[in-house]
C-alpha atoms as a PDB file:
ATOM      1  CA  MET A   1      27.909  26.757   9.991  1.00  0.00           C
ATOM      2  CA  SER A   2      24.968  26.489   7.607  1.00  0.00           C
ATOM      3  CA  THR A   3      21.317  25.949   8.415  1.00  0.00           C
ATOM      4  CA  PRO A   4      18.633  24.081   6.438  1.00  0.00           C
ATOM      5  CA  LEU A   5      17.326  27.452   5.297  1.00  0.00           C
ATOM      6  CA  ASP A   6      20.692  28.197   3.651  1.00  0.00           C
ATOM      7  CA  ASN A   7      20.398  25.055   1.476  1.00  0.00           C
ATOM      8  CA  PRO A   8      16.682  24.312   1.046  1.00  0.00           C
ATOM      9  CA  ASP A   9      17.323  21.518  -1.487  1.00  0.00           C
ATOM     10  CA  GLN A  10      19.252  19.433   1.029  1.00  0.00           C
ATOM     11  CA  GLY A  11      16.458  18.577   3.421  1.00  0.00           C
ATOM     12  CA  GLY A  12      13.396  19.861   5.160  1.00  0.00           C
ATOM     13  CA  LEU A  13      10.273  20.385   3.093  1.00  0.00           C
ATOM     14  CA  ALA A  14      12.012  19.699  -0.216  1.00  0.00           C
ATOM     15  CA  THR A  15      12.970  16.226   1.000  1.00  0.00           C
ATOM     16  CA  LEU A  16       9.463  15.571   2.299  1.00  0.00           C
ATOM     17  CA  ASP A  17       7.970  16.685  -1.028  1.00  0.00           C
ATOM     18  CA  ARG A  18      10.276  14.338  -2.969  1.00  0.00           C
ATOM     19  CA  GLU A  19       9.450  11.441  -0.645  1.00  0.00           C
ATOM     20  CA  LEU A  20       5.720  12.122  -0.983  1.00  0.00           C
ATOM     21  CA  GLU A  21       5.958  12.247  -4.778  1.00  0.00           C
ATOM     22  CA  GLU A  22       7.817   8.914  -4.745  1.00  0.00           C
ATOM     23  CA  LEU A  23       5.135   7.333  -2.548  1.00  0.00           C
ATOM     24  CA  ILE A  24       2.406   8.597  -4.869  1.00  0.00           C
ATOM     25  CA  ARG A  25       4.204   7.095  -7.879  1.00  0.00           C
ATOM     26  CA  GLU A  26       4.466   3.757  -6.046  1.00  0.00           C
ATOM     27  CA  GLU A  27       0.750   3.823  -5.207  1.00  0.00           C
ATOM     28  CA  THR A  28      -0.459   4.027  -8.788  1.00  0.00           C
ATOM     29  CA  ILE A  29      -3.810   2.494  -9.448  1.00  0.00           C
ATOM     30  CA  GLU A  30      -3.704  -0.441 -11.809  1.00  0.00           C
ATOM     31  CA  PRO A  31      -5.964  -0.471 -14.852  1.00  0.00           C
ATOM     32  CA  GLY A  32      -8.033  -3.565 -15.444  1.00  0.00           C
ATOM     33  CA  ASP A  33     -11.276  -5.255 -14.631  1.00  0.00           C
ATOM     34  CA  HIS A  34     -11.744  -3.698 -11.192  1.00  0.00           C
ATOM     35  CA  GLU A  35     -14.553  -1.650 -12.699  1.00  0.00           C
ATOM     36  CA  ARG A  36     -16.439  -4.815 -13.691  1.00  0.00           C
ATOM     37  CA  PHE A  37     -16.101  -6.835 -10.468  1.00  0.00           C
ATOM     38  CA  SER A  38     -16.367  -6.564  -6.712  1.00  0.00           C
ATOM     39  CA  HIS A  39     -13.133  -7.661  -5.064  1.00  0.00           C
ATOM     40  CA  TYR A  40     -12.300  -9.165  -1.680  1.00  0.00           C
ATOM     41  CA  VAL A  41     -10.302  -6.872   0.619  1.00  0.00           C
ATOM     42  CA  LYS A  42      -9.788  -6.932   4.399  1.00  0.00           C
ATOM     43  CA  LYS A  43     -12.439  -4.815   6.142  1.00  0.00           C
ATOM     44  CA  ASP A  44      -9.859  -2.770   8.045  1.00  0.00           C
ATOM     45  CA  LYS A  45      -8.194  -1.826   4.748  1.00  0.00           C
ATOM     46  CA  ILE A  46     -11.548  -0.643   3.343  1.00  0.00           C
ATOM     47  CA  LEU A  47     -12.051   1.553   6.417  1.00  0.00           C
ATOM     48  CA  GLU A  48      -8.511   2.910   6.160  1.00  0.00           C
ATOM     49  CA  SER A  49      -9.063   3.703   2.482  1.00  0.00           C
ATOM     50  CA  ALA A  50     -12.331   5.489   3.266  1.00  0.00           C
ATOM     51  CA  ILE A  51     -10.520   7.695   5.771  1.00  0.00           C
ATOM     52  CA  THR A  52      -7.241   8.315   3.940  1.00  0.00           C
ATOM     53  CA  GLY A  53      -8.155   7.815   0.273  1.00  0.00           C
ATOM     54  CA  LYS A  54      -5.293   5.342  -0.016  1.00  0.00           C
ATOM     55  CA  PRO A  55      -5.807   2.564  -2.594  1.00  0.00           C
ATOM     56  CA  VAL A  56      -6.378  -1.007  -1.417  1.00  0.00           C
ATOM     57  CA  ARG A  57      -5.107  -4.310  -2.792  1.00  0.00           C
ATOM     58  CA  ALA A  58      -7.584  -7.144  -3.351  1.00  0.00           C
ATOM     59  CA  LEU A  59      -6.813 -10.835  -2.884  1.00  0.00           C
ATOM     60  CA  CYS A  60      -6.329 -11.131  -6.651  1.00  0.00           C
ATOM     61  CA  GLY A  61      -3.734  -8.348  -6.617  1.00  0.00           C
ATOM     62  CA  LYS A  62      -5.826  -5.548  -8.112  1.00  0.00           C
ATOM     63  CA  LYS A  63      -5.151  -2.162  -6.588  1.00  0.00           C
ATOM     64  CA  TRP A  64      -7.759   0.596  -6.615  1.00  0.00           C
ATOM     65  CA  THR A  65      -9.556   3.142  -4.471  1.00  0.00           C
ATOM     66  CA  PRO A  66     -12.994   1.806  -3.459  1.00  0.00           C
ATOM     67  CA  GLY A  67     -15.871   4.149  -4.045  1.00  0.00           C
ATOM     68  CA  ARG A  68     -18.868   2.269  -5.379  1.00  0.00           C
ATOM     69  CA  ASP A  69     -21.469  -0.184  -4.121  1.00  0.00           C
ATOM     70  CA  PRO A  70     -19.949  -3.683  -4.410  1.00  0.00           C
ATOM     71  CA  GLU A  71     -23.429  -5.240  -4.301  1.00  0.00           C
ATOM     72  CA  LYS A  72     -24.069  -4.012  -7.851  1.00  0.00           C
ATOM     73  CA  PHE A  73     -21.271  -6.082  -9.410  1.00  0.00           C
ATOM     74  CA  PRO A  74     -20.363  -9.783  -9.609  1.00  0.00           C
ATOM     75  CA  VAL A  75     -17.549 -11.059  -7.386  1.00  0.00           C
ATOM     76  CA  CYS A  76     -14.122 -11.293  -8.996  1.00  0.00           C
ATOM     77  CA  PRO A  77     -13.592 -14.977  -9.845  1.00  0.00           C
ATOM     78  CA  THR A  78      -9.924 -14.869  -8.842  1.00  0.00           C
ATOM     79  CA  CYS A  79     -10.678 -13.257  -5.474  1.00  0.00           C
ATOM     80  CA  LYS A  80     -13.410 -15.806  -4.843  1.00  0.00           C
ATOM     81  CA  GLU A  81     -11.117 -18.724  -5.680  1.00  0.00           C
ATOM     82  CA  ILE A  82      -8.348 -17.417  -3.405  1.00  0.00           C
ATOM     83  CA  TYR A  83     -10.793 -16.731  -0.575  1.00  0.00           C
ATOM     84  CA  GLU A  84     -12.312 -20.202  -0.798  1.00  0.00           C
ATOM     85  CA  SER A  85      -8.864 -21.827  -0.778  1.00  0.00           C
ATOM     86  CA  LEU A  86      -8.026 -19.924   2.419  1.00  0.00           C
ATOM     87  CA  GLN A  87     -11.175 -21.188   4.144  1.00  0.00           C
ATOM     88  CA  GLN A  88     -10.123 -24.854   3.933  1.00  0.00           C
END
């Protein structure tokens, strides 16, 4: 009978490392205009991102890690349009 230590590439930490690397690849930050605009994101997602460092997805679909003062930038026109359509 073998143990996970006999075959380290068949599970355990090696599997967790591969799964983590795959998740990181899936969570790539998209390039684009997110540096020029403030985007609309659910407040709970902003808090989660602040705690975990995980990127957030705005209403317009942009994905990034928040880290700057949104008051210093104009609102993303696409986010604003989507938000206003949801309010009706």
